[in-house]
Amino acid sequence: MVESENYKKGTAIRSKLMGPAYADKMNQSVYDDPIMKKFGDYAREAVFGMLWHRPGLDLKTKTLICVISDTAQARWPELAIHLRMARNQGWTEDELSEALMHLCGYIGLPSVREALLTAKEVFHEMRKEK
């Protein structure tokens, strides 16, 4: 794939959001085969290169939107990625836990429970990495 300007911008912001080591780890595991590489290239160009660069909201707010959306849709693997991004953008563990708790009355306890279990794992993993 020819690396367009959006692809290059997407690569940079993806690394900033995930952290360079985690982004590289995903490149070497999730996106190391031809099928998933196509998906990763598209996401890097269209989502990270275009959507995440839109004006109007800061990166910190955008990461919280992703955390809430993943929880509402029960997308646990994506939630783990977006929780990491949210922590890297300055949200604290307590703030993210409270945001998830706030969803109890809107999307239900089972989804929030799973989200909090995912958060517990991600936060533990991130503390070990430091």
Protein backbone atom coordinates (compact mmCIF):
# COMPACT_ATOMS: atom_id res chain seq x y z
CA MET A 1 0.00 0.00 0.00
CA VAL A 2 1.22 3.46 -0.88
CA GLU A 3 1.35 5.50 2.31
CA SER A 4 -0.93 8.49 1.78
CA GLU A 5 -0.76 11.60 3.92
CA ASN A 6 -3.76 10.34 5.91
CA TYR A 7 -2.03 7.00 6.45
CA LYS A 8 1.06 8.77 7.80
CA LYS A 9 -1.05 11.00 10.05
CA GLY A 10 -3.00 7.95 11.17
CA THR A 11 0.16 6.04 12.03
CA ALA A 12 1.41 8.92 14.16
CA ILE A 13 -1.83 9.52 16.08
CA ARG A 14 -2.42 5.79 16.59
CA SER A 15 1.02 5.50 18.16
CA LYS A 16 0.36 8.56 20.32
CA LEU A 17 -3.00 7.23 21.51
CA MET A 18 -1.96 3.63 22.16
CA GLY A 19 1.63 4.28 23.11
CA PRO A 20 4.41 3.30 20.69
CA ALA A 21 5.20 -0.05 22.33
CA TYR A 22 1.56 -1.19 22.35
CA ALA A 23 0.99 -0.03 18.75
CA ASP A 24 4.08 -1.99 17.66
CA LYS A 25 2.90 -5.02 19.62
CA MET A 26 -0.44 -4.91 17.77
CA ASN A 27 1.36 -4.52 14.42
CA GLN A 28 3.38 -7.66 15.16
CA SER A 29 0.46 -9.75 16.41
CA VAL A 30 -2.99 -8.65 15.26
CA TYR A 31 -1.94 -7.09 11.95
CA ASP A 32 0.83 -9.49 10.95
CA ASP A 33 -1.16 -11.44 8.35
CA PRO A 34 -2.43 -10.20 4.96
CA ILE A 35 -6.14 -10.18 5.83
CA MET A 36 -5.76 -8.22 9.05
CA LYS A 37 -3.09 -5.97 7.52
CA LYS A 38 -5.69 -4.76 5.00
CA PHE A 39 -8.06 -3.95 7.85
CA GLY A 40 -5.30 -2.25 9.85
CA ASP A 41 -4.22 -0.17 6.87
CA TYR A 42 -7.79 0.98 6.28
CA ALA A 43 -8.33 1.82 9.96
CA ARG A 44 -5.03 3.68 10.10
CA GLU A 45 -5.88 5.78 7.05
CA ALA A 46 -9.63 6.36 7.45
CA VAL A 47 -10.25 6.23 11.18
CA PHE A 48 -6.97 7.42 12.68
CA GLY A 49 -5.84 9.54 9.74
CA MET A 50 -9.14 11.28 9.04
CA LEU A 51 -11.66 10.85 11.87
CA TRP A 52 -9.29 11.35 14.80
CA HIS A 53 -7.88 14.48 13.11
CA ARG A 54 -11.23 16.22 12.80
CA PRO A 55 -11.46 19.49 14.70
CA GLY A 56 -14.04 20.26 17.38
CA LEU A 57 -13.15 17.78 20.13
CA ASP A 58 -9.84 17.11 21.82
CA LEU A 59 -8.28 13.66 21.84
CA LYS A 60 -9.08 13.15 25.51
CA THR A 61 -12.82 13.64 24.88
CA LYS A 62 -12.75 11.41 21.81
CA THR A 63 -11.21 8.57 23.82
CA LEU A 64 -13.98 8.79 26.41
CA ILE A 65 -16.60 8.66 23.65
CA CYS A 66 -15.00 5.44 22.40
CA VAL A 67 -14.99 3.92 25.91
CA ILE A 68 -18.69 4.68 26.32
CA SER A 69 -19.57 3.44 22.83
CA ASP A 70 -17.66 0.18 23.28
CA THR A 71 -19.39 -0.45 26.61
CA ALA A 72 -22.84 0.27 25.21
CA GLN A 73 -22.20 -2.15 22.34
CA ALA A 74 -20.46 -4.83 24.45
CA ARG A 75 -17.25 -4.61 22.40
CA TRP A 76 -14.82 -5.84 25.06
CA PRO A 77 -11.61 -6.22 22.99
CA GLU A 78 -12.11 -2.73 21.55
CA LEU A 79 -12.88 -1.40 25.02
CA ALA A 80 -9.50 -2.65 26.22
CA ILE A 81 -7.77 -0.71 23.44
CA HIS A 82 -9.81 2.44 24.04
CA LEU A 83 -9.32 2.33 27.81
CA ARG A 84 -5.58 2.29 27.17
CA MET A 85 -5.96 5.26 24.84
CA ALA A 86 -8.06 7.11 27.40
CA ARG A 87 -5.45 6.54 30.13
CA ASN A 88 -2.74 7.74 27.74
CA GLN A 89 -4.76 10.93 27.13
CA GLY A 90 -4.97 11.76 30.82
CA TRP A 91 -8.12 10.12 32.14
CA THR A 92 -7.51 8.58 35.55
CA GLU A 93 -8.56 5.10 36.54
CA ASP A 94 -11.09 6.63 38.94
CA GLU A 95 -12.57 8.93 36.29
CA LEU A 96 -12.95 6.10 33.80
CA SER A 97 -14.45 3.81 36.44
CA GLU A 98 -16.96 6.50 37.37
CA ALA A 99 -17.84 7.10 33.72
CA LEU A 100 -18.54 3.38 33.42
CA MET A 101 -20.52 3.32 36.67
CA HIS A 102 -22.65 6.17 35.35
CA LEU A 103 -23.77 3.85 32.57
CA CYS A 104 -25.40 1.43 35.05
CA GLY A 105 -28.68 3.32 34.84
CA TYR A 106 -28.60 3.65 31.06
CA ILE A 107 -27.29 0.42 29.57
CA GLY A 108 -27.53 -1.99 32.50
CA LEU A 109 -25.44 -3.69 35.12
CA PRO A 110 -24.24 -6.72 33.11
CA SER A 111 -22.51 -4.58 30.48
CA VAL A 112 -21.01 -2.26 33.07
CA ARG A 113 -19.76 -5.25 35.05
CA GLU A 114 -17.97 -6.62 31.98
CA ALA A 115 -16.58 -3.16 31.21
CA LEU A 116 -15.24 -2.79 34.74
CA LEU A 117 -13.64 -6.25 34.58
CA THR A 118 -11.99 -5.22 31.31
CA ALA A 119 -10.86 -1.95 32.90
CA LYS A 120 -9.42 -3.80 35.88
CA GLU A 121 -7.29 -5.94 33.54
CA VAL A 122 -6.15 -3.02 31.39
CA PHE A 123 -5.28 -0.82 34.36
CA HIS A 124 -3.33 -3.67 35.98
CA GLU A 125 -1.47 -4.33 32.73
CA MET A 126 -0.62 -0.65 32.29
CA ARG A 127 0.64 -0.32 35.88
CA LYS A 128 2.94 -3.33 35.30
CA GLU A 129 4.34 -1.72 32.13
CA LYS A 130 5.60 1.34 34.03
